[in-house]
Protein backbone atom coordinates (compact mmCIF):
# COMPACT_ATOMS: atom_id res chain seq x y z
CA MET A 1 157.95 -137.29 115.56
CA PRO A 2 157.95 -134.73 112.80
CA ASP A 3 160.68 -134.08 110.86
CA TYR A 4 162.60 -130.97 112.04
CA ARG A 5 163.15 -128.37 109.30
CA ILE A 6 164.47 -125.00 109.26
CA ALA A 7 161.36 -123.20 108.21
CA TYR A 8 162.87 -121.26 104.66
CA ARG A 9 164.18 -121.93 101.55
CA PRO A 10 167.74 -121.34 100.97
CA PHE A 11 169.71 -118.53 99.58
CA PRO A 12 172.68 -117.12 97.54
CA GLN A 13 173.72 -115.14 100.89
CA GLN A 14 173.05 -117.88 103.34
CA GLN A 15 174.54 -120.70 100.61
CA ALA A 16 177.68 -118.41 100.38
CA TYR A 17 178.42 -117.86 104.20
CA PHE A 18 178.46 -121.42 105.00
CA ARG A 19 181.27 -122.00 102.10
CA ARG A 20 183.24 -119.64 102.77
CA LYS A 21 184.32 -121.31 106.18
CA VAL A 22 187.23 -123.02 106.43
CA ASN A 23 187.42 -126.82 108.16
CA MET A 24 189.22 -126.64 111.50
CA PRO A 25 190.30 -129.96 113.53
CA SER A 26 189.20 -129.30 117.15
CA ALA A 27 189.51 -131.01 120.35
CA ARG A 28 186.78 -129.17 122.72
CA TRP A 29 183.43 -127.46 121.40
CA ASP A 30 184.95 -123.83 122.61
CA ASP A 31 188.40 -124.18 120.11
CA LEU A 32 186.29 -121.22 118.22
CA MET A 33 184.51 -118.68 119.90
CA HIS A 34 181.92 -116.41 119.04
CA GLY A 35 183.18 -114.41 115.26
CA GLU A 36 185.67 -116.99 114.86
CA HIS A 37 182.59 -119.26 114.21
CA ALA A 38 182.01 -117.00 111.14
CA HIS A 39 184.76 -117.99 108.91
CA GLY A 40 186.38 -121.71 110.44
CA PHE A 41 183.24 -124.89 110.66
CA MET A 42 184.02 -127.34 113.27
CA ALA A 43 182.47 -130.27 114.98
CA ALA A 44 182.97 -130.73 118.75
CA GLY A 45 186.11 -133.20 118.99
CA VAL A 46 186.29 -133.61 115.23
CA ALA A 47 190.12 -133.86 113.99
CA ARG A 48 190.22 -136.04 111.29
CA ALA A 49 189.71 -134.09 107.99
CA ASP A 50 188.13 -136.73 106.13
CA VAL A 51 185.45 -136.62 108.84
CA LEU A 52 185.18 -133.28 109.24
CA ASP A 53 185.22 -132.84 105.38
CA ASP A 54 182.03 -135.22 104.87
CA LEU A 55 179.87 -133.96 107.77
CA ARG A 56 180.69 -130.34 106.42
CA ARG A 57 179.03 -131.54 103.18
CA ALA A 58 176.24 -133.01 104.97
CA VAL A 59 175.23 -129.41 106.07
CA GLN A 60 175.84 -128.03 102.97
CA ALA A 61 173.45 -130.12 101.60
CA ALA A 62 170.92 -129.39 104.29
CA ILE A 63 171.76 -125.60 103.13
CA ASP A 64 171.58 -126.09 99.34
CA ASP A 65 168.59 -128.33 99.45
CA GLY A 66 166.36 -127.50 102.06
CA GLU A 67 167.13 -130.53 103.90
CA GLY A 68 165.12 -131.91 106.91
CA PHE A 69 166.56 -133.03 110.17
CA ASP A 70 165.50 -136.79 108.88
CA ALA A 71 167.89 -136.74 105.37
CA PHE A 72 170.34 -135.03 107.49
CA ARG A 73 170.64 -137.94 110.46
CA SER A 74 170.35 -140.56 107.77
CA ARG A 75 173.48 -138.40 105.86
CA PHE A 76 175.20 -138.48 109.48
CA ASP A 77 174.68 -142.03 110.53
CA ASP A 78 176.33 -143.03 107.12
CA ILE A 79 179.10 -140.73 108.84
CA LEU A 80 178.93 -142.99 111.71
CA ARG A 81 179.01 -146.28 109.56
CA ARG A 82 182.33 -145.54 107.60
CA HIS A 83 184.16 -144.01 110.08
CA GLY A 84 182.65 -144.91 113.59
CA TRP A 85 182.40 -142.83 116.49
CA ILE A 86 183.38 -138.98 115.08
CA GLY A 87 184.58 -137.56 118.67
CA GLY A 88 183.69 -137.00 122.17
CA ALA A 89 182.98 -139.97 124.78
CA GLY A 90 183.09 -143.44 122.62
CA ASP A 91 180.15 -144.64 124.83
CA GLU A 92 177.51 -142.13 124.71
CA SER A 93 174.24 -143.06 124.44
CA ASP A 94 171.82 -143.30 121.85
CA ALA A 95 169.93 -139.96 122.77
CA ARG A 96 173.33 -137.66 123.27
CA ARG A 97 174.14 -138.84 119.43
CA ALA A 98 170.78 -137.69 118.82
CA TRP A 99 171.06 -134.49 120.58
CA ARG A 100 174.20 -134.03 119.10
CA MET A 101 173.17 -134.31 115.87
CA ARG A 102 169.87 -132.09 115.93
CA THR A 103 172.60 -129.53 117.26
CA ILE A 104 175.20 -129.27 114.60
CA TYR A 105 171.90 -129.44 112.20
CA GLN A 106 170.40 -126.31 113.74
CA THR A 107 173.00 -124.19 114.75
CA ASN A 108 174.56 -124.37 111.34
CA LEU A 109 171.62 -123.77 109.68
CA ARG A 110 169.98 -120.88 111.95
CA THR A 111 173.62 -119.02 111.98
CA SER A 112 174.19 -119.55 107.81
CA TYR A 113 170.20 -117.83 107.92
CA MET A 114 170.21 -115.20 109.83
CA ALA A 115 174.00 -114.09 108.77
CA GLY A 116 172.55 -114.28 105.40
CA ARG A 117 169.66 -112.14 105.60
CA TRP A 118 171.68 -109.28 107.18
CA GLU A 119 173.63 -108.81 103.85
CA GLU A 120 169.70 -107.37 103.00
CA LEU A 121 168.52 -105.93 106.86
CA GLN A 122 171.73 -103.88 107.28
CA LYS A 123 169.97 -102.23 104.60
CA PHE A 124 167.14 -101.19 106.80
CA PRO A 125 167.08 -98.23 109.63
CA TYR A 126 165.31 -100.20 112.01
CA LEU A 127 165.00 -104.14 112.99
CA ARG A 128 162.42 -106.00 114.68
CA TYR A 129 162.48 -109.38 117.40
CA GLN A 130 160.71 -111.85 116.62
CA HIS A 131 159.91 -115.10 119.14
CA ASN A 132 159.71 -118.79 116.92
CA THR A 133 160.92 -120.70 119.72
CA VAL A 134 157.55 -122.86 120.63
CA THR A 135 159.47 -125.89 122.75
CA ASN A 136 160.90 -124.47 126.14
CA PRO A 137 160.71 -120.99 125.27
CA ARG A 138 163.10 -118.64 126.85
CA GLU A 139 160.99 -116.32 129.11
CA ASP A 140 163.83 -113.27 127.77
CA HIS A 141 163.18 -113.78 124.53
CA LYS A 142 159.86 -113.91 124.94
CA GLN A 143 159.71 -110.82 126.51
CA TRP A 144 161.92 -109.21 123.17
CA ASN A 145 159.03 -110.28 120.92
CA GLY A 146 158.17 -106.67 118.62
CA LEU A 147 161.61 -104.71 119.99
CA VAL A 148 162.24 -102.49 117.41
CA LEU A 149 165.90 -100.81 117.55
CA ALA A 150 167.77 -99.07 115.28
CA THR A 151 169.79 -101.60 113.13
CA ASP A 152 173.39 -99.72 114.79
CA ASP A 153 171.75 -99.96 117.96
CA PRO A 154 174.90 -101.83 119.96
CA TRP A 155 172.42 -104.35 121.59
CA TRP A 156 172.16 -106.70 118.46
CA ASN A 157 175.74 -106.83 118.62
CA THR A 158 175.05 -109.39 121.51
CA HIS A 159 171.43 -110.19 120.38
CA TYR A 160 171.14 -111.12 117.27
CA PRO A 161 169.42 -114.59 116.70
CA PRO A 162 170.27 -116.96 117.22
CA ASN A 163 171.49 -115.96 120.35
CA GLY A 164 171.34 -119.22 121.98
CA TRP A 165 171.33 -123.00 122.29
CA GLY A 166 167.96 -124.12 119.85
CA CYS A 167 167.14 -120.38 119.29
CA ARG A 168 164.69 -120.24 116.32
CA CYS A 169 164.46 -116.03 117.15
CA THR A 170 164.97 -114.08 113.50
CA VAL A 171 164.65 -110.14 112.65
CA THR A 172 162.56 -108.23 110.20
CA GLY A 173 163.60 -105.07 108.79
CA VAL A 174 161.49 -102.15 109.55
CA GLY A 175 161.29 -99.09 107.21
CA LYS A 176 159.77 -95.52 108.61
CA GLY A 177 156.10 -95.81 106.82
CA ARG A 178 156.42 -99.57 109.07
CA MET A 179 157.45 -98.12 111.98
CA ARG A 180 154.41 -95.86 111.82
CA ALA A 181 151.83 -99.06 110.94
CA LEU A 182 153.43 -100.39 113.97
CA GLY A 183 152.20 -97.22 115.49
CA LYS A 184 155.56 -96.01 116.86
CA ASP A 185 157.71 -92.55 116.79
CA ALA A 186 160.69 -93.81 117.68
CA PRO A 187 162.68 -96.79 117.85
CA ASP A 188 162.11 -98.86 121.48
CA GLN A 189 164.88 -98.69 124.24
CA ALA A 190 166.86 -101.09 124.56
CA PRO A 191 166.87 -103.88 127.26
CA ASP A 192 169.20 -103.82 130.35
CA PRO A 193 171.41 -106.85 130.01
CA SER A 194 170.01 -110.11 131.45
CA ASP A 195 172.46 -112.41 133.06
CA GLY A 196 173.13 -115.71 131.03
CA ASP A 197 170.87 -114.53 128.50
CA PRO A 198 172.14 -114.80 125.51
CA PRO A 199 175.31 -117.36 127.40
CA GLU A 200 178.64 -115.97 126.42
CA GLU A 201 179.53 -118.17 123.92
CA TRP A 202 176.09 -116.99 121.77
CA ALA A 203 177.27 -113.84 122.79
CA TYR A 204 178.00 -112.25 118.86
CA HIS A 205 176.57 -111.20 115.82
CA PRO A 206 176.99 -113.93 112.76
CA GLY A 207 176.08 -111.24 110.07
CA LYS A 208 178.58 -108.61 111.29
CA ALA A 209 181.51 -111.56 112.12
CA ALA A 210 181.22 -112.89 108.51
CA ARG A 211 182.23 -109.02 107.16
CA SER A 212 184.76 -108.52 110.07
CA LEU A 213 188.63 -108.13 109.76
CA PRO A 214 189.29 -108.96 113.91
CA ALA A 215 187.16 -112.04 113.79
CA ALA A 216 189.11 -113.35 110.41
CA ALA A 217 192.19 -112.68 112.48
CA SER A 218 190.96 -114.14 115.41
CA PHE A 219 189.98 -117.43 113.35
CA GLY A 220 193.63 -116.72 111.71
CA GLU A 221 195.34 -117.05 115.13
CA LYS A 222 193.56 -119.84 116.02
CA VAL A 223 194.24 -121.38 113.25
CA ALA A 224 198.21 -120.67 113.47
CA GLN A 225 198.25 -122.15 117.29
CA LEU A 226 196.63 -125.83 115.81
CA PRO A 227 199.26 -128.81 116.28
CA PRO A 228 200.86 -129.15 113.16
CA PRO A 229 198.90 -131.68 111.29
CA TRP A 230 195.95 -129.86 112.62
CA ARG A 231 197.33 -127.05 111.08
CA ALA A 232 198.10 -128.27 107.83
CA ALA A 233 194.57 -129.82 106.89
CA ALA A 234 193.46 -126.66 107.74
CA LEU A 235 195.33 -124.28 105.80
CA ASP A 236 194.98 -127.12 102.60
CA ASP A 237 190.79 -126.70 103.18
CA ALA A 238 191.48 -122.75 103.26
CA GLN A 239 192.90 -122.99 99.86
CA ARG A 240 189.56 -125.03 98.52
CA ARG A 241 188.01 -122.03 99.72
CA ARG A 242 189.62 -119.32 98.37
CA ALA A 243 187.29 -118.36 95.16
CA ASP A 244 184.28 -118.15 98.00
CA TRP A 245 186.28 -116.16 100.27
CA PHE A 246 187.36 -113.74 97.62
CA ALA A 247 184.89 -113.53 95.16
CA ASP A 248 184.71 -109.64 95.65
CA TRP A 249 188.32 -108.81 94.97
CA PRO A 250 188.32 -108.19 91.72
CA GLY A 251 185.59 -105.46 92.12
CA PHE A 252 187.72 -103.88 94.98
CA ILE A 253 190.90 -103.55 92.63
CA GLY A 254 188.32 -102.28 89.52
CA THR A 255 187.29 -99.87 91.97
CA VAL A 256 190.33 -98.50 92.93
CA ARG A 257 191.81 -98.16 89.86
CA GLY A 258 188.87 -96.82 88.52
CA GLU A 259 188.84 -93.87 91.14
CA ILE A 260 192.67 -93.46 90.49
CA ALA A 261 191.73 -92.71 86.40
CA ALA A 262 189.32 -90.38 87.36
CA GLY A 263 191.70 -88.22 90.00
CA ALA A 264 189.07 -89.33 92.50
CA ALA A 265 191.59 -91.87 95.07
CA ARG A 266 190.06 -91.49 98.41
CA PRO A 267 191.00 -94.30 100.83
CA GLN A 268 188.51 -95.39 103.52
CA GLY A 269 190.43 -97.58 105.64
CA ALA A 270 188.63 -100.55 103.50
CA ALA A 271 190.04 -103.96 104.10
CA THR A 272 189.45 -107.18 102.99
CA PRO A 273 190.99 -111.24 103.56
CA LEU A 274 193.97 -112.00 101.05
CA GLY A 275 194.57 -115.24 101.98
CA PHE A 276 196.13 -117.64 104.43
CA ILE A 277 199.81 -118.28 104.69
CA PRO A 278 201.09 -121.24 103.62
CA GLU A 279 201.73 -124.05 105.92
CA GLN A 280 205.50 -124.83 104.33
CA VAL A 281 205.75 -120.62 104.39
CA LEU A 282 204.74 -121.58 108.40
CA GLY A 283 207.23 -124.71 108.73
CA VAL A 284 209.89 -122.94 107.30
CA LEU A 285 209.73 -119.81 109.38
CA ALA A 286 209.63 -121.48 112.37
CA SER A 287 212.61 -123.72 111.94
CA GLY A 288 214.85 -121.04 111.00
CA ARG A 289 216.37 -122.59 107.87
CA ALA A 290 215.75 -121.34 104.23
CA LEU A 291 215.27 -124.17 101.49
CA ASN A 292 218.55 -121.93 100.25
CA GLY A 293 220.17 -122.35 103.34
CA ARG A 294 220.08 -118.73 104.18
CA ALA A 295 219.90 -118.95 108.19
CA PHE A 296 217.42 -116.41 110.48
CA ALA A 297 216.39 -116.28 113.54
CA PRO A 298 213.04 -118.35 114.05
CA VAL A 299 209.85 -116.88 113.12
CA THR A 300 206.34 -118.05 114.37
CA PRO A 301 203.28 -115.70 113.07
CA ARG A 302 200.38 -114.91 115.79
CA THR A 303 198.29 -115.67 113.09
CA ALA A 304 197.31 -117.04 109.19
CA LEU A 305 195.39 -114.75 108.24
CA MET A 306 196.87 -112.10 105.52
CA ALA A 307 194.92 -109.47 104.47
CA THR A 308 194.92 -105.70 102.65
CA THR A 309 193.44 -102.03 102.45
CA ASP A 310 192.29 -99.83 99.42
CA ARG A 311 195.23 -97.76 100.94
CA ALA A 312 197.96 -100.63 100.04
CA VAL A 313 196.30 -100.81 96.75
CA TYR A 314 196.31 -97.46 96.14
CA HIS A 315 199.83 -97.05 97.36
CA SER A 316 200.46 -99.95 94.54
CA LEU A 317 198.77 -98.62 91.73
CA ARG A 318 199.58 -94.63 92.84
CA ASP A 319 200.47 -92.60 89.40
CA ALA A 320 203.86 -91.72 90.75
CA LYS A 321 204.90 -94.97 90.47
CA PHE A 322 204.27 -95.20 86.85
CA THR A 323 205.77 -91.98 85.33
CA ASP A 324 208.15 -93.33 83.39
CA ARG A 325 206.76 -96.85 82.24
CA PRO A 326 203.08 -95.77 82.10
CA GLU A 327 202.80 -99.84 80.60
CA LEU A 328 203.69 -101.07 84.00
CA ARG A 329 200.36 -100.49 85.40
CA ASP A 330 198.64 -102.83 83.90
CA VAL A 331 201.04 -105.35 84.78
CA PHE A 332 200.61 -104.20 88.48
CA THR A 333 196.97 -104.12 88.41
CA ALA A 334 197.26 -107.70 87.12
CA ALA A 335 199.46 -108.96 90.15
CA LEU A 336 196.91 -107.55 92.54
CA GLU A 337 194.14 -108.89 90.36
CA ASN A 338 195.70 -112.78 91.16
CA ALA A 339 197.27 -111.79 94.35
CA PRO A 340 194.70 -114.31 96.08
CA ALA A 341 195.68 -117.19 93.58
CA TRP A 342 199.55 -115.81 94.03
CA VAL A 343 199.49 -116.00 98.21
CA ALA A 344 198.43 -119.85 97.32
CA SER A 345 200.68 -120.46 94.27
CA ALA A 346 203.65 -118.08 93.97
CA ASP A 347 207.29 -119.25 92.50
CA ALA A 348 208.87 -118.22 95.54
CA VAL A 349 207.96 -117.06 98.87
CA LEU A 350 210.75 -115.14 100.07
CA TRP A 351 211.45 -113.88 104.10
CA ASN A 352 213.09 -110.39 104.37
CA ALA A 353 214.04 -110.81 108.27
CA ALA A 354 215.60 -106.73 108.36
CA ASP A 355 212.02 -105.62 107.17
CA GLY A 356 209.68 -108.25 108.78
CA VAL A 357 208.29 -108.79 105.31
CA LEU A 358 207.40 -112.17 103.19
CA MET A 359 207.27 -111.65 99.83
CA PHE A 360 205.17 -113.85 97.50
CA ALA A 361 206.74 -113.51 93.74
CA ARG A 362 205.62 -114.71 90.20
CA ARG A 363 208.37 -115.01 87.58
CA GLY A 364 206.99 -113.08 83.67
CA ASP A 365 208.01 -113.51 80.71
CA ASP A 366 210.81 -111.04 81.28
CA GLY A 367 212.50 -112.93 83.49
CA HIS A 368 211.63 -110.14 86.26
CA TYR A 369 209.62 -111.15 89.63
CA MET A 370 206.34 -109.23 90.30
CA THR A 371 206.23 -109.19 94.17
CA LEU A 372 203.43 -108.45 96.51
CA VAL A 373 205.34 -107.72 99.50
CA ALA A 374 203.49 -108.41 103.04
CA ARG A 375 204.23 -106.95 106.48
CA VAL A 376 204.18 -110.17 109.50
CA ASP A 377 202.45 -109.44 112.38
CA LEU A 378 201.61 -105.89 111.80
CA ARG A 379 198.46 -104.18 113.71
CA GLU A 380 197.02 -102.41 110.70
CA ARG A 381 195.75 -99.07 112.30
CA ARG A 382 194.57 -97.02 109.12
CA ALA A 383 191.80 -100.07 108.33
CA ARG A 384 188.33 -99.03 109.56
CA GLU A 385 188.73 -102.03 112.24
CA PRO A 386 192.02 -102.35 113.34
CA ALA A 387 193.81 -106.19 113.24
CA MET A 388 196.50 -107.80 113.57
CA ALA A 389 197.32 -109.60 110.43
CA THR A 390 200.07 -110.20 107.30
CA TRP A 391 199.53 -107.73 105.53
CA LEU A 392 199.99 -106.81 102.22
CA ARG A 393 201.77 -103.07 102.17
CA THR A 394 202.46 -103.19 98.15
CA VAL A 395 203.84 -104.96 94.98
CA GLU A 396 206.84 -104.46 93.55
CA MET A 397 209.05 -105.77 90.18
CA TYR A 398 212.24 -107.63 91.54
CA THR A 399 215.11 -109.35 89.28
CA GLY A 400 216.23 -112.69 90.60
CA ALA A 401 219.44 -111.86 91.63
CA ALA A 402 217.85 -109.22 94.05
CA LEU A 403 215.43 -111.79 95.82
CA ARG A 404 218.30 -114.21 96.32
CA GLN A 405 219.97 -112.08 98.96
CA HIS A 406 216.44 -113.05 101.03
CA ALA A 407 215.42 -116.86 102.96
CA LEU A 408 213.65 -118.77 100.72
CA VAL A 409 211.25 -120.50 102.50
CA ALA A 410 209.10 -121.78 99.56
CA GLY A 411 209.37 -122.41 96.05
CA ARG A 412 212.69 -121.67 93.99
CA ILE A 413 214.27 -118.75 91.89
CA GLU A 414 215.20 -119.17 88.14
């Protein structure tokens, strides 16, 4: 049987999409749904972190090196030899296991490819559907072949490919000149809904979901709800993905500071993930007993995701804050630029129960603590896409004595 291969060369946007995913242990195939898949990597029934990481490496190699299915199967078989069967029914047939291997390979390579393509395709005014599935083609997909719709047509939110198991359909960008060459004066009419196509589990847009705060927050909810050992494994893996998740963060801060300096501060409600609440913090919050002995009502955040908006960054760096000590603007800017790392490795994390905020503090050379202040379980309505998360609201400077008035949930105060 010929080697099955995704017939495209890998490219940076595809590779980055997959690298950003956080490993999530799972019990069922539908533990993640829709846009949550754009933020988490899972294989149905695989709960062991070491096995999940090995599977991830096999998929990453297939993406990075353009490996065909035979090479992936060889890696998969090696994982089975080292770990035993990786999930599901232990007595599954060889055919069933082969189907599962192919599903993992196809699903991850196709979704990563199409999500990466979206980074460029979204710049076109129109998109054209292209049917590519040769084996067992779906009639609806064949009928959509050649369909041209506006790039922002809602139809793509549920039908952007791949939009079914084994789907190899794609889309191409169409400019105005191409529209004329196709003999069209205007885009086509979006097809009426078709019962069961796409299947419910495929009715999402992987490209949009990768940049969607609501999708990231929903994934964070799934992580927060995991059994503690699984949650710890997922959050530990999240710290390893930080560089990829937040690659755009320094530019985000630089843009805001430049606009403030130019007197052109115009927050637009842009939002970005900032990190995930560390496992130790979640554990102490749930216990209601701080490391410094303070008792408080137990807290269970709905989602592990942390995020912020351009409005919060503007607020942290606004001119009025530095009227008396303008030199502090650089200090506050540095704190924001390092915020993703601070979330994962603050000198101390405190819970201010009265205000419902977590405080991620780092001690400066002068003994003061630069502190990220984040409101837990806030639905930020000023973001373009409102979502429930722990939202960074501002950056402040505190003395150690001031911080000791709150419940210590991680680290220590000098």
